[in-house]
């Protein structure tokens, strides 16, 4: 009987394999790494795409933190409400 490899497969349909396009610093269609030389100046569209992805991931992380720490989330909401109440235009 052949032995199974000890490492995880990198098959595209494998749910365990990490998605290479979501890695920090990796952009779709760019072959250079985060510290590699850039082929040219970054366009506004690429910068907006990266910023949008970052903001989505940040919001997702905040939602996760709020779910796992409900007391802290409630206190943060109360503080934000108080801050908005005392803010003057």
N, C-alpha and C. Protein backbone atom coordinates (compact mmCIF):
# COMPACT_ATOMS: atom_id res chain seq x y z
N UNK A 1 0.85 -1.18 0.00
CA UNK A 1 0.00 0.00 0.00
C UNK A 1 0.89 1.24 0.00
N UNK A 2 0.66 2.20 -0.92
CA UNK A 2 1.52 3.39 -0.98
C UNK A 2 1.25 4.29 0.23
N UNK A 3 2.31 4.93 0.70
CA UNK A 3 2.18 5.82 1.86
C UNK A 3 1.64 7.17 1.43
N UNK A 4 0.89 7.77 2.33
CA UNK A 4 0.35 9.10 2.08
C UNK A 4 1.41 10.15 2.39
N UNK A 5 1.50 11.23 1.61
CA UNK A 5 2.47 12.28 1.92
C UNK A 5 2.10 12.98 3.22
N UNK A 6 3.12 13.43 3.95
CA UNK A 6 2.90 14.10 5.23
C UNK A 6 2.43 15.54 5.07
N UNK A 7 2.64 16.14 3.93
CA UNK A 7 2.26 17.54 3.74
C UNK A 7 0.88 17.64 3.14
N UNK A 8 0.29 18.83 3.27
CA UNK A 8 -1.03 19.08 2.72
C UNK A 8 -0.91 19.35 1.23
N UNK A 9 -1.94 18.96 0.48
CA UNK A 9 -1.89 19.20 -0.96
C UNK A 9 -2.24 20.64 -1.26
N UNK A 10 -1.74 21.12 -2.38
CA UNK A 10 -2.03 22.49 -2.82
C UNK A 10 -3.03 22.49 -3.96
N UNK A 11 -3.93 21.51 -3.95
CA UNK A 11 -4.94 21.43 -5.00
C UNK A 11 -5.87 22.63 -4.90
N UNK A 12 -6.33 23.19 -6.03
CA UNK A 12 -7.17 24.38 -5.99
C UNK A 12 -8.50 24.15 -5.25
N UNK A 13 -9.05 22.94 -5.28
CA UNK A 13 -10.32 22.67 -4.63
C UNK A 13 -10.15 22.23 -3.19
N UNK A 14 -8.94 22.14 -2.71
CA UNK A 14 -8.67 21.66 -1.36
C UNK A 14 -9.02 22.75 -0.35
N UNK A 15 -9.97 22.50 0.57
CA UNK A 15 -10.34 23.55 1.52
C UNK A 15 -9.25 23.85 2.55
N UNK A 16 -8.28 22.94 2.72
CA UNK A 16 -7.23 23.14 3.70
C UNK A 16 -6.12 24.02 3.13
N UNK A 17 -5.92 23.96 1.82
CA UNK A 17 -4.85 24.72 1.18
C UNK A 17 -5.16 26.20 1.24
N UNK A 18 -4.20 27.04 1.63
CA UNK A 18 -4.45 28.49 1.68
C UNK A 18 -4.58 29.07 0.28
N UNK A 19 -5.40 30.09 0.17
CA UNK A 19 -5.58 30.77 -1.11
C UNK A 19 -4.43 31.75 -1.28
N UNK A 20 -3.65 31.58 -2.31
CA UNK A 20 -2.45 32.38 -2.50
C UNK A 20 -2.77 33.84 -2.84
N UNK A 21 -3.94 34.12 -3.43
CA UNK A 21 -4.27 35.49 -3.82
C UNK A 21 -4.66 36.35 -2.64
N UNK A 22 -5.05 35.73 -1.50
CA UNK A 22 -5.44 36.51 -0.33
C UNK A 22 -4.26 36.78 0.60
N UNK A 23 -3.07 36.35 0.21
CA UNK A 23 -1.90 36.56 1.06
C UNK A 23 -1.59 38.05 1.13
N UNK A 24 -1.14 38.54 2.30
CA UNK A 24 -0.80 39.96 2.40
C UNK A 24 0.29 40.34 1.41
N UNK A 25 0.09 41.43 0.72
CA UNK A 25 1.08 41.91 -0.23
C UNK A 25 0.92 41.32 -1.61
N UNK A 26 0.12 40.27 -1.75
CA UNK A 26 -0.06 39.66 -3.06
C UNK A 26 -1.25 40.32 -3.75
N UNK A 27 -1.06 40.66 -5.00
CA UNK A 27 -2.16 41.22 -5.77
C UNK A 27 -2.41 40.30 -6.94
N UNK A 28 -3.65 40.24 -7.37
CA UNK A 28 -3.99 39.40 -8.50
C UNK A 28 -3.32 39.95 -9.76
N UNK A 29 -2.59 39.11 -10.43
CA UNK A 29 -1.94 39.54 -11.66
C UNK A 29 -0.56 40.09 -11.46
N UNK A 30 -0.07 40.20 -10.25
CA UNK A 30 1.29 40.69 -10.07
C UNK A 30 2.17 39.53 -9.64
N UNK A 31 3.30 39.38 -10.30
CA UNK A 31 4.19 38.28 -10.02
C UNK A 31 5.25 38.65 -8.99
N UNK A 32 5.41 39.92 -8.69
CA UNK A 32 6.44 40.31 -7.73
C UNK A 32 5.91 40.19 -6.32
N UNK A 33 6.79 39.91 -5.38
CA UNK A 33 6.43 39.77 -3.98
C UNK A 33 6.34 41.13 -3.33
N UNK A 34 6.02 41.15 -2.01
CA UNK A 34 5.87 42.42 -1.32
C UNK A 34 7.18 43.20 -1.24
N UNK A 35 8.34 42.51 -1.25
CA UNK A 35 9.61 43.22 -1.19
C UNK A 35 10.35 43.19 -2.53
N UNK A 36 9.71 42.65 -3.55
CA UNK A 36 10.33 42.59 -4.88
C UNK A 36 10.16 43.90 -5.61
N UNK A 37 10.89 44.07 -6.69
CA UNK A 37 10.77 45.31 -7.47
C UNK A 37 9.42 45.38 -8.17
N UNK A 38 8.82 46.52 -8.13
CA UNK A 38 7.55 46.74 -8.81
C UNK A 38 7.81 46.97 -10.30
N UNK A 39 6.94 46.43 -11.16
CA UNK A 39 7.15 46.62 -12.59
C UNK A 39 6.89 48.05 -13.05
N UNK A 40 6.12 48.79 -12.29
CA UNK A 40 5.81 50.17 -12.64
C UNK A 40 5.08 50.84 -11.51
N UNK A 41 4.71 52.09 -11.69
CA UNK A 41 3.98 52.78 -10.61
C UNK A 41 2.60 52.15 -10.41
N UNK A 42 2.17 52.15 -9.17
CA UNK A 42 0.87 51.58 -8.83
C UNK A 42 -0.24 52.50 -9.33
N UNK A 43 -1.24 51.92 -9.97
CA UNK A 43 -2.34 52.74 -10.47
C UNK A 43 -3.33 53.01 -9.35
N UNK A 44 -4.16 54.02 -9.54
CA UNK A 44 -5.17 54.35 -8.54
C UNK A 44 -6.15 53.20 -8.35
N UNK A 45 -6.50 52.52 -9.44
CA UNK A 45 -7.45 51.42 -9.34
C UNK A 45 -6.89 50.28 -8.48
N UNK A 46 -5.60 49.96 -8.66
CA UNK A 46 -4.98 48.91 -7.84
C UNK A 46 -4.95 49.32 -6.38
N UNK A 47 -4.61 50.57 -6.12
CA UNK A 47 -4.56 51.05 -4.74
C UNK A 47 -5.94 51.01 -4.10
N UNK A 48 -6.97 51.41 -4.84
CA UNK A 48 -8.34 51.36 -4.31
C UNK A 48 -8.79 49.93 -4.05
N UNK A 49 -8.40 49.00 -4.95
CA UNK A 49 -8.76 47.59 -4.74
C UNK A 49 -8.11 47.04 -3.47
N UNK A 50 -6.81 47.34 -3.31
CA UNK A 50 -6.12 46.87 -2.10
C UNK A 50 -6.72 47.49 -0.85
N UNK A 51 -7.06 48.77 -0.91
CA UNK A 51 -7.65 49.46 0.25
C UNK A 51 -9.02 48.87 0.57
N UNK A 52 -9.83 48.61 -0.45
CA UNK A 52 -11.15 48.04 -0.24
C UNK A 52 -11.04 46.65 0.40
N UNK A 53 -10.08 45.85 -0.09
CA UNK A 53 -9.89 44.51 0.49
C UNK A 53 -9.44 44.62 1.95
N UNK A 54 -8.53 45.55 2.23
CA UNK A 54 -8.07 45.74 3.60
C UNK A 54 -9.23 46.15 4.51
N UNK A 55 -10.05 47.10 4.06
CA UNK A 55 -11.17 47.56 4.89
C UNK A 55 -12.20 46.46 5.11
N UNK A 56 -12.43 45.61 4.09
CA UNK A 56 -13.34 44.47 4.27
C UNK A 56 -12.80 43.51 5.32
N UNK A 57 -11.50 43.20 5.24
CA UNK A 57 -10.90 42.29 6.20
C UNK A 57 -10.91 42.89 7.61
N UNK A 58 -10.69 44.20 7.71
CA UNK A 58 -10.72 44.86 9.01
C UNK A 58 -12.12 44.80 9.62
N UNK A 59 -13.14 45.07 8.81
CA UNK A 59 -14.51 45.00 9.30
C UNK A 59 -14.87 43.58 9.73
N UNK A 60 -14.39 42.60 8.96
CA UNK A 60 -14.65 41.20 9.31
C UNK A 60 -13.98 40.84 10.63
N UNK A 61 -12.76 41.33 10.84
CA UNK A 61 -12.06 41.05 12.09
C UNK A 61 -12.77 41.71 13.27
N UNK A 62 -13.28 42.92 13.08
CA UNK A 62 -14.01 43.60 14.15
C UNK A 62 -15.30 42.85 14.49
N UNK A 63 -16.00 42.37 13.46
CA UNK A 63 -17.23 41.61 13.71
C UNK A 63 -16.93 40.33 14.48
N UNK A 64 -15.85 39.67 14.11
CA UNK A 64 -15.46 38.44 14.81
C UNK A 64 -15.13 38.75 16.27
N UNK A 65 -14.37 39.82 16.50
CA UNK A 65 -14.02 40.20 17.87
C UNK A 65 -15.27 40.52 18.68
N UNK A 66 -16.23 41.21 18.05
CA UNK A 66 -17.47 41.55 18.74
C UNK A 66 -18.28 40.30 19.09
N UNK A 67 -18.24 39.29 18.21
CA UNK A 67 -18.97 38.05 18.50
C UNK A 67 -18.34 37.27 19.64
N UNK A 68 -17.02 37.23 19.70
CA UNK A 68 -16.37 36.41 20.72
C UNK A 68 -16.19 37.16 22.04
N UNK A 69 -16.35 38.49 22.04
CA UNK A 69 -16.23 39.27 23.27
C UNK A 69 -17.43 40.22 23.37
N UNK A 70 -18.62 39.69 23.64
CA UNK A 70 -19.82 40.55 23.62
C UNK A 70 -19.81 41.65 24.66
N UNK A 71 -19.21 41.41 25.82
CA UNK A 71 -19.20 42.45 26.85
C UNK A 71 -18.35 43.64 26.40
N UNK A 72 -17.20 43.35 25.83
CA UNK A 72 -16.33 44.42 25.33
C UNK A 72 -17.02 45.19 24.19
N UNK A 73 -17.75 44.47 23.34
CA UNK A 73 -18.45 45.12 22.23
C UNK A 73 -19.54 46.06 22.76
N UNK A 74 -20.25 45.63 23.82
CA UNK A 74 -21.30 46.47 24.39
C UNK A 74 -20.70 47.74 24.99
N UNK A 75 -19.60 47.60 25.72
CA UNK A 75 -18.94 48.76 26.32
C UNK A 75 -18.46 49.72 25.22
N UNK A 76 -17.92 49.17 24.14
CA UNK A 76 -17.44 50.01 23.04
C UNK A 76 -18.60 50.77 22.40
N UNK A 77 -19.75 50.10 22.24
CA UNK A 77 -20.92 50.78 21.67
C UNK A 77 -21.39 51.92 22.58
N UNK A 78 -21.41 51.66 23.89
CA UNK A 78 -21.83 52.71 24.83
C UNK A 78 -20.87 53.90 24.80
N UNK A 79 -19.58 53.62 24.74
CA UNK A 79 -18.59 54.70 24.67
C UNK A 79 -18.75 55.51 23.38
N UNK A 80 -18.97 54.82 22.28
CA UNK A 80 -19.16 55.52 21.00
C UNK A 80 -20.41 56.39 21.04
N UNK A 81 -21.48 55.88 21.63
CA UNK A 81 -22.72 56.66 21.75
C UNK A 81 -22.48 57.91 22.60
N UNK A 82 -21.77 57.73 23.71
CA UNK A 82 -21.47 58.88 24.57
C UNK A 82 -20.60 59.90 23.84
N UNK A 83 -19.62 59.40 23.09
CA UNK A 83 -18.74 60.29 22.32
C UNK A 83 -19.55 61.08 21.29
N UNK A 84 -20.46 60.42 20.60
CA UNK A 84 -21.26 61.10 19.59
C UNK A 84 -22.24 62.09 20.23
N UNK A 85 -22.72 61.78 21.42
CA UNK A 85 -23.62 62.68 22.12
C UNK A 85 -22.92 63.97 22.54
N UNK A 86 -21.67 63.86 22.92
CA UNK A 86 -20.95 65.04 23.42
C UNK A 86 -20.19 65.77 22.32
N UNK A 87 -20.22 65.25 21.10
CA UNK A 87 -19.50 65.89 20.00
C UNK A 87 -20.27 67.11 19.53
N UNK A 88 -19.55 68.21 19.31
CA UNK A 88 -20.22 69.43 18.82
C UNK A 88 -19.76 69.71 17.40
N UNK A 89 -20.70 70.11 16.57
CA UNK A 89 -20.37 70.44 15.17
C UNK A 89 -19.78 71.78 15.09
